[in-house]
All heavy atoms as atom14 arrays in JSON, in Angstrom:
{
  "sequence": "EQGWVEWGWGLIPDLNDLKVAYDRFFHQILP",
  "atom14_mask": [
    [1, 1, 1, 1, 1, 1, 1, 1, 1, 0, 0, 0, 0, 0],
    [1, 1, 1, 1, 1, 1, 1, 1, 1, 0, 0, 0, 0, 0],
    [1, 1, 1, 1, 0, 0, 0, 0, 0, 0, 0, 0, 0, 0],
    [1, 1, 1, 1, 1, 1, 1, 1, 1, 1, 1, 1, 1, 1],
    [1, 1, 1, 1, 1, 1, 1, 0, 0, 0, 0, 0, 0, 0],
    [1, 1, 1, 1, 1, 1, 1, 1, 1, 0, 0, 0, 0, 0],
    [1, 1, 1, 1, 1, 1, 1, 1, 1, 1, 1, 1, 1, 1],
    [1, 1, 1, 1, 0, 0, 0, 0, 0, 0, 0, 0, 0, 0],
    [1, 1, 1, 1, 1, 1, 1, 1, 1, 1, 1, 1, 1, 1],
    [1, 1, 1, 1, 0, 0, 0, 0, 0, 0, 0, 0, 0, 0],
    [1, 1, 1, 1, 1, 1, 1, 1, 0, 0, 0, 0, 0, 0],
    [1, 1, 1, 1, 1, 1, 1, 1, 0, 0, 0, 0, 0, 0],
    [1, 1, 1, 1, 1, 1, 1, 0, 0, 0, 0, 0, 0, 0],
    [1, 1, 1, 1, 1, 1, 1, 1, 0, 0, 0, 0, 0, 0],
    [1, 1, 1, 1, 1, 1, 1, 1, 0, 0, 0, 0, 0, 0],
    [1, 1, 1, 1, 1, 1, 1, 1, 0, 0, 0, 0, 0, 0],
    [1, 1, 1, 1, 1, 1, 1, 1, 0, 0, 0, 0, 0, 0],
    [1, 1, 1, 1, 1, 1, 1, 1, 0, 0, 0, 0, 0, 0],
    [1, 1, 1, 1, 1, 1, 1, 1, 1, 0, 0, 0, 0, 0],
    [1, 1, 1, 1, 1, 1, 1, 0, 0, 0, 0, 0, 0, 0],
    [1, 1, 1, 1, 1, 0, 0, 0, 0, 0, 0, 0, 0, 0],
    [1, 1, 1, 1, 1, 1, 1, 1, 1, 1, 1, 1, 0, 0],
    [1, 1, 1, 1, 1, 1, 1, 1, 0, 0, 0, 0, 0, 0],
    [1, 1, 1, 1, 1, 1, 1, 1, 1, 1, 1, 0, 0, 0],
    [1, 1, 1, 1, 1, 1, 1, 1, 1, 1, 1, 0, 0, 0],
    [1, 1, 1, 1, 1, 1, 1, 1, 1, 1, 1, 0, 0, 0],
    [1, 1, 1, 1, 1, 1, 1, 1, 1, 1, 0, 0, 0, 0],
    [1, 1, 1, 1, 1, 1, 1, 1, 1, 0, 0, 0, 0, 0],
    [1, 1, 1, 1, 1, 1, 1, 1, 0, 0, 0, 0, 0, 0],
    [1, 1, 1, 1, 1, 1, 1, 1, 0, 0, 0, 0, 0, 0],
    [1, 1, 1, 1, 1, 1, 1, 0, 0, 0, 0, 0, 0, 0]
  ],
  "atom14_positions": [
    [[3.14, 2.93, 0.24], [2.45, 1.64, 0.38], [1.71, 1.59, 1.71], [0.61, 1.03, 1.82], [3.46, 0.5, 0.29], [2.81, -0.87, 0.35], [3.77, -1.98, -0.04], [4.62, -1.75, -0.93], [3.67, -3.07, 0.54], [0.0, 0.0, 0.0], [0.0, 0.0, 0.0], [0.0, 0.0, 0.0], [0.0, 0.0, 0.0], [0.0, 0.0, 0.0]],
    [[2.3, 2.21, 2.73], [1.65, 2.27, 4.05], [0.3, 2.97, 3.95], [-0.66, 2.59, 4.63], [2.56, 3.0, 5.04], [2.08, 2.95, 6.48], [3.09, 3.55, 7.44], [4.15, 4.02, 7.04], [2.76, 3.56, 8.71], [0.0, 0.0, 0.0], [0.0, 0.0, 0.0], [0.0, 0.0, 0.0], [0.0, 0.0, 0.0], [0.0, 0.0, 0.0]],
    [[0.21, 3.98, 3.12], [-1.05, 4.69, 2.94], [-2.14, 3.79, 2.37], [-3.29, 3.84, 2.81], [0.0, 0.0, 0.0], [0.0, 0.0, 0.0], [0.0, 0.0, 0.0], [0.0, 0.0, 0.0], [0.0, 0.0, 0.0], [0.0, 0.0, 0.0], [0.0, 0.0, 0.0], [0.0, 0.0, 0.0], [0.0, 0.0, 0.0], [0.0, 0.0, 0.0]],
    [[-1.75, 2.99, 1.36], [-2.74, 2.1, 0.75], [-3.15, 0.98, 1.71], [-4.29, 0.52, 1.7], [-2.18, 1.51, -0.54], [-2.06, 2.51, -1.64], [-0.91, 3.06, -2.13], [-3.12, 3.1, -2.39], [-1.19, 3.96, -3.14], [-2.54, 3.99, -3.33], [-4.5, 2.95, -2.38], [-3.28, 4.74, -4.22], [-5.26, 3.69, -3.28], [-4.66, 4.58, -4.2]],
    [[-2.21, 0.54, 2.57], [-2.48, -0.6, 3.45], [-3.1, -0.18, 4.78], [-4.02, -0.82, 5.29], [-1.18, -1.4, 3.69], [-1.4, -2.5, 4.71], [-0.66, -1.97, 2.38], [0.0, 0.0, 0.0], [0.0, 0.0, 0.0], [0.0, 0.0, 0.0], [0.0, 0.0, 0.0], [0.0, 0.0, 0.0], [0.0, 0.0, 0.0], [0.0, 0.0, 0.0]],
    [[-2.6, 0.92, 5.37], [-2.95, 1.25, 6.75], [-3.75, 2.55, 6.92], [-4.34, 2.76, 7.98], [-1.68, 1.35, 7.61], [-0.91, 0.03, 7.71], [0.32, 0.15, 8.59], [0.59, 1.27, 9.08], [1.02, -0.87, 8.76], [0.0, 0.0, 0.0], [0.0, 0.0, 0.0], [0.0, 0.0, 0.0], [0.0, 0.0, 0.0], [0.0, 0.0, 0.0]],
    [[-3.73, 3.44, 5.94], [-4.36, 4.73, 6.13], [-5.73, 4.83, 5.44], [-6.3, 5.92, 5.36], [-3.45, 5.85, 5.63], [-2.12, 5.91, 6.36], [-1.86, 5.43, 7.62], [-0.91, 6.48, 5.88], [-0.55, 5.66, 7.94], [0.07, 6.3, 6.89], [-0.53, 7.11, 4.69], [1.38, 6.73, 6.76], [0.78, 7.54, 4.56], [1.72, 7.35, 5.58]],
    [[-6.2, 3.73, 4.9], [-7.55, 3.7, 4.37], [-7.71, 4.07, 2.92], [-8.84, 4.04, 2.4], [0.0, 0.0, 0.0], [0.0, 0.0, 0.0], [0.0, 0.0, 0.0], [0.0, 0.0, 0.0], [0.0, 0.0, 0.0], [0.0, 0.0, 0.0], [0.0, 0.0, 0.0], [0.0, 0.0, 0.0], [0.0, 0.0, 0.0], [0.0, 0.0, 0.0]],
    [[-6.65, 4.42, 2.2], [-6.81, 4.77, 0.8], [-7.42, 3.62, 0.0], [-8.25, 3.83, -0.87], [-5.46, 5.15, 0.17], [-4.74, 6.28, 0.83], [-5.23, 7.14, 1.77], [-3.39, 6.67, 0.59], [-4.26, 8.05, 2.13], [-3.12, 7.78, 1.43], [-2.37, 6.2, -0.23], [-1.88, 8.42, 1.46], [-1.13, 6.83, -0.21], [-0.9, 7.93, 0.63]],
    [[-6.97, 2.39, 0.32], [-7.42, 1.24, -0.44], [-8.88, 0.88, -0.24], [-9.42, 0.06, -0.98], [0.0, 0.0, 0.0], [0.0, 0.0, 0.0], [0.0, 0.0, 0.0], [0.0, 0.0, 0.0], [0.0, 0.0, 0.0], [0.0, 0.0, 0.0], [0.0, 0.0, 0.0], [0.0, 0.0, 0.0], [0.0, 0.0, 0.0], [0.0, 0.0, 0.0]],
    [[-9.53, 1.5, 0.74], [-10.93, 1.21, 1.01], [-11.89, 2.11, 0.25], [-13.1, 1.96, 0.35], [-11.2, 1.33, 2.52], [-10.35, 0.42, 3.43], [-10.67, 0.71, 4.89], [-10.58, -1.04, 3.09], [0.0, 0.0, 0.0], [0.0, 0.0, 0.0], [0.0, 0.0, 0.0], [0.0, 0.0, 0.0], [0.0, 0.0, 0.0], [0.0, 0.0, 0.0]],
    [[-11.34, 3.08, -0.49], [-12.17, 4.05, -1.2], [-12.33, 3.61, -2.65], [-11.35, 3.61, -3.41], [-11.55, 5.46, -1.12], [-11.33, 5.87, 0.35], [-12.43, 6.48, -1.85], [-10.58, 7.17, 0.52], [0.0, 0.0, 0.0], [0.0, 0.0, 0.0], [0.0, 0.0, 0.0], [0.0, 0.0, 0.0], [0.0, 0.0, 0.0], [0.0, 0.0, 0.0]],
    [[-13.54, 3.2, -3.08], [-13.72, 2.67, -4.45], [-13.26, 3.62, -5.54], [-12.74, 3.18, -6.57], [-15.24, 2.41, -4.52], [-15.67, 2.22, -3.09], [-14.79, 3.14, -2.3], [0.0, 0.0, 0.0], [0.0, 0.0, 0.0], [0.0, 0.0, 0.0], [0.0, 0.0, 0.0], [0.0, 0.0, 0.0], [0.0, 0.0, 0.0], [0.0, 0.0, 0.0]],
    [[-13.45, 4.94, -5.34], [-13.09, 5.91, -6.38], [-11.59, 5.95, -6.64], [-11.15, 6.53, -7.63], [-13.57, 7.3, -5.99], [-15.08, 7.43, -6.04], [-15.73, 6.52, -6.6], [-15.62, 8.43, -5.53], [0.0, 0.0, 0.0], [0.0, 0.0, 0.0], [0.0, 0.0, 0.0], [0.0, 0.0, 0.0], [0.0, 0.0, 0.0], [0.0, 0.0, 0.0]],
    [[-10.78, 5.36, -5.75], [-9.33, 5.41, -5.89], [-8.75, 4.14, -6.52], [-7.52, 4.0, -6.6], [-8.67, 5.63, -4.52], [-9.03, 6.93, -3.8], [-8.25, 7.05, -2.5], [-8.75, 8.14, -4.69], [0.0, 0.0, 0.0], [0.0, 0.0, 0.0], [0.0, 0.0, 0.0], [0.0, 0.0, 0.0], [0.0, 0.0, 0.0], [0.0, 0.0, 0.0]],
    [[-9.62, 3.23, -6.97], [-9.12, 1.96, -7.52], [-8.16, 2.18, -8.69], [-7.13, 1.52, -8.81], [-10.28, 1.07, -7.95], [-11.01, 0.45, -6.76], [-10.47, 0.42, -5.65], [-12.23, -0.02, -6.99], [0.0, 0.0, 0.0], [0.0, 0.0, 0.0], [0.0, 0.0, 0.0], [0.0, 0.0, 0.0], [0.0, 0.0, 0.0], [0.0, 0.0, 0.0]],
    [[-8.52, 3.11, -9.6], [-7.66, 3.36, -10.76], [-6.29, 3.88, -10.32], [-5.26, 3.52, -10.92], [-8.32, 4.36, -11.7], [-9.51, 3.76, -12.44], [-9.66, 2.52, -12.39], [-10.28, 4.53, -13.04], [0.0, 0.0, 0.0], [0.0, 0.0, 0.0], [0.0, 0.0, 0.0], [0.0, 0.0, 0.0], [0.0, 0.0, 0.0], [0.0, 0.0, 0.0]],
    [[-6.27, 4.72, -9.3], [-5.0, 5.26, -8.82], [-4.18, 4.2, -8.09], [-2.95, 4.26, -8.09], [-5.25, 6.47, -7.93], [-5.68, 7.73, -8.69], [-6.21, 8.79, -7.75], [-4.52, 8.29, -9.51], [0.0, 0.0, 0.0], [0.0, 0.0, 0.0], [0.0, 0.0, 0.0], [0.0, 0.0, 0.0], [0.0, 0.0, 0.0], [0.0, 0.0, 0.0]],
    [[-4.84, 3.24, -7.45], [-4.11, 2.14, -6.84], [-3.45, 1.27, -7.91], [-2.29, 0.86, -7.77], [-5.06, 1.28, -5.99], [-4.4, 0.03, -5.38], [-3.25, 0.39, -4.44], [-2.82, -0.8, -3.58], [-2.25, -1.91, -4.37], [0.0, 0.0, 0.0], [0.0, 0.0, 0.0], [0.0, 0.0, 0.0], [0.0, 0.0, 0.0], [0.0, 0.0, 0.0]],
    [[-4.16, 1.01, -8.99], [-3.58, 0.27, -10.11], [-2.38, 1.03, -10.68], [-1.33, 0.45, -10.98], [-4.64, 0.0, -11.2], [-3.99, -0.56, -12.46], [-5.71, -0.94, -10.68], [0.0, 0.0, 0.0], [0.0, 0.0, 0.0], [0.0, 0.0, 0.0], [0.0, 0.0, 0.0], [0.0, 0.0, 0.0], [0.0, 0.0, 0.0], [0.0, 0.0, 0.0]],
    [[-2.54, 2.35, -10.84], [-1.45, 3.17, -11.37], [-0.25, 3.17, -10.42], [0.9, 3.14, -10.87], [-1.94, 4.6, -11.61], [0.0, 0.0, 0.0], [0.0, 0.0, 0.0], [0.0, 0.0, 0.0], [0.0, 0.0, 0.0], [0.0, 0.0, 0.0], [0.0, 0.0, 0.0], [0.0, 0.0, 0.0], [0.0, 0.0, 0.0], [0.0, 0.0, 0.0]],
    [[-0.52, 3.22, -9.11], [0.56, 3.15, -8.11], [1.35, 1.86, -8.28], [2.58, 1.87, -8.36], [-0.02, 3.23, -6.7], [0.97, 2.81, -5.63], [1.85, 3.73, -5.08], [1.06, 1.48, -5.21], [2.78, 3.34, -4.13], [2.0, 1.08, -4.27], [2.86, 2.02, -3.73], [3.79, 1.63, -2.8], [0.0, 0.0, 0.0], [0.0, 0.0, 0.0]],
    [[0.65, 0.72, -8.31], [1.33, -0.57, -8.43], [2.16, -0.64, -9.71], [3.31, -1.08, -9.7], [0.31, -1.71, -8.41], [-0.25, -1.96, -7.03], [0.46, -1.69, -6.04], [-1.41, -2.42, -6.93], [0.0, 0.0, 0.0], [0.0, 0.0, 0.0], [0.0, 0.0, 0.0], [0.0, 0.0, 0.0], [0.0, 0.0, 0.0], [0.0, 0.0, 0.0]],
    [[1.56, -0.23, -10.81], [2.27, -0.31, -12.1], [3.5, 0.59, -12.11], [4.58, 0.2, -12.58], [1.31, 0.06, -13.23], [1.93, -0.08, -14.62], [0.91, 0.1, -15.73], [0.32, 1.43, -15.68], [-0.97, 1.66, -15.4], [-1.78, 0.65, -15.12], [-1.45, 2.89, -15.4], [0.0, 0.0, 0.0], [0.0, 0.0, 0.0], [0.0, 0.0, 0.0]],
    [[3.36, 1.8, -11.54], [4.48, 2.75, -11.6], [5.64, 2.3, -10.72], [6.79, 2.23, -11.18], [4.01, 4.15, -11.19], [5.11, 5.18, -11.24], [5.51, 5.72, -12.45], [5.75, 5.6, -10.08], [6.54, 6.65, -12.51], [6.77, 6.54, -10.13], [7.16, 7.06, -11.35], [0.0, 0.0, 0.0], [0.0, 0.0, 0.0], [0.0, 0.0, 0.0]],
    [[5.38, 2.0, -9.45], [6.48, 1.74, -8.53], [7.03, 0.32, -8.61], [8.15, 0.08, -8.15], [6.05, 2.08, -7.1], [5.97, 3.55, -6.85], [4.74, 4.18, -6.74], [7.11, 4.33, -6.77], [4.65, 5.55, -6.53], [7.03, 5.7, -6.58], [5.81, 6.31, -6.45], [0.0, 0.0, 0.0], [0.0, 0.0, 0.0], [0.0, 0.0, 0.0]],
    [[6.27, -0.61, -9.18], [6.76, -1.98, -9.28], [7.22, -2.35, -10.68], [7.88, -3.38, -10.84], [5.69, -2.96, -8.8], [5.31, -2.76, -7.36], [4.01, -2.84, -6.9], [6.07, -2.47, -6.26], [3.99, -2.6, -5.59], [5.22, -2.38, -5.19], [0.0, 0.0, 0.0], [0.0, 0.0, 0.0], [0.0, 0.0, 0.0], [0.0, 0.0, 0.0]],
    [[6.89, -1.54, -11.68], [7.29, -1.86, -13.05], [7.96, -0.68, -13.76], [9.12, -0.77, -14.15], [6.06, -2.31, -13.86], [5.39, -3.56, -13.32], [4.08, -3.86, -14.04], [3.88, -3.5, -15.2], [3.17, -4.53, -13.34], [0.0, 0.0, 0.0], [0.0, 0.0, 0.0], [0.0, 0.0, 0.0], [0.0, 0.0, 0.0], [0.0, 0.0, 0.0]],
    [[7.22, 0.43, -13.9], [7.7, 1.52, -14.75], [8.97, 2.17, -14.17], [9.99, 2.27, -14.86], [6.59, 2.58, -14.94], [5.41, 1.96, -15.69], [7.13, 3.79, -15.69], [4.19, 2.87, -15.78], [0.0, 0.0, 0.0], [0.0, 0.0, 0.0], [0.0, 0.0, 0.0], [0.0, 0.0, 0.0], [0.0, 0.0, 0.0], [0.0, 0.0, 0.0]],
    [[8.9, 2.62, -12.93], [10.05, 3.31, -12.34], [11.28, 2.4, -12.23], [12.39, 2.83, -12.58], [9.67, 3.89, -10.97], [10.76, 4.67, -10.23], [11.29, 5.82, -11.07], [10.22, 5.19, -8.89], [0.0, 0.0, 0.0], [0.0, 0.0, 0.0], [0.0, 0.0, 0.0], [0.0, 0.0, 0.0], [0.0, 0.0, 0.0], [0.0, 0.0, 0.0]],
    [[11.16, 1.13, -11.78], [12.34, 0.26, -11.79], [12.94, 0.07, -13.18], [14.16, 0.0, -13.33], [11.8, -1.06, -11.22], [10.63, -0.68, -10.4], [10.01, 0.48, -11.12], [0.0, 0.0, 0.0], [0.0, 0.0, 0.0], [0.0, 0.0, 0.0], [0.0, 0.0, 0.0], [0.0, 0.0, 0.0], [0.0, 0.0, 0.0], [0.0, 0.0, 0.0]]
  ]
}
């Protein structure tokens, strides 16, 4: 999560799909 918030991953438009996948996996699927 630190990477998405502080390391700039979230600022790259091409990574939007992977950010959605990150949220879905770690907040829903894996739990």
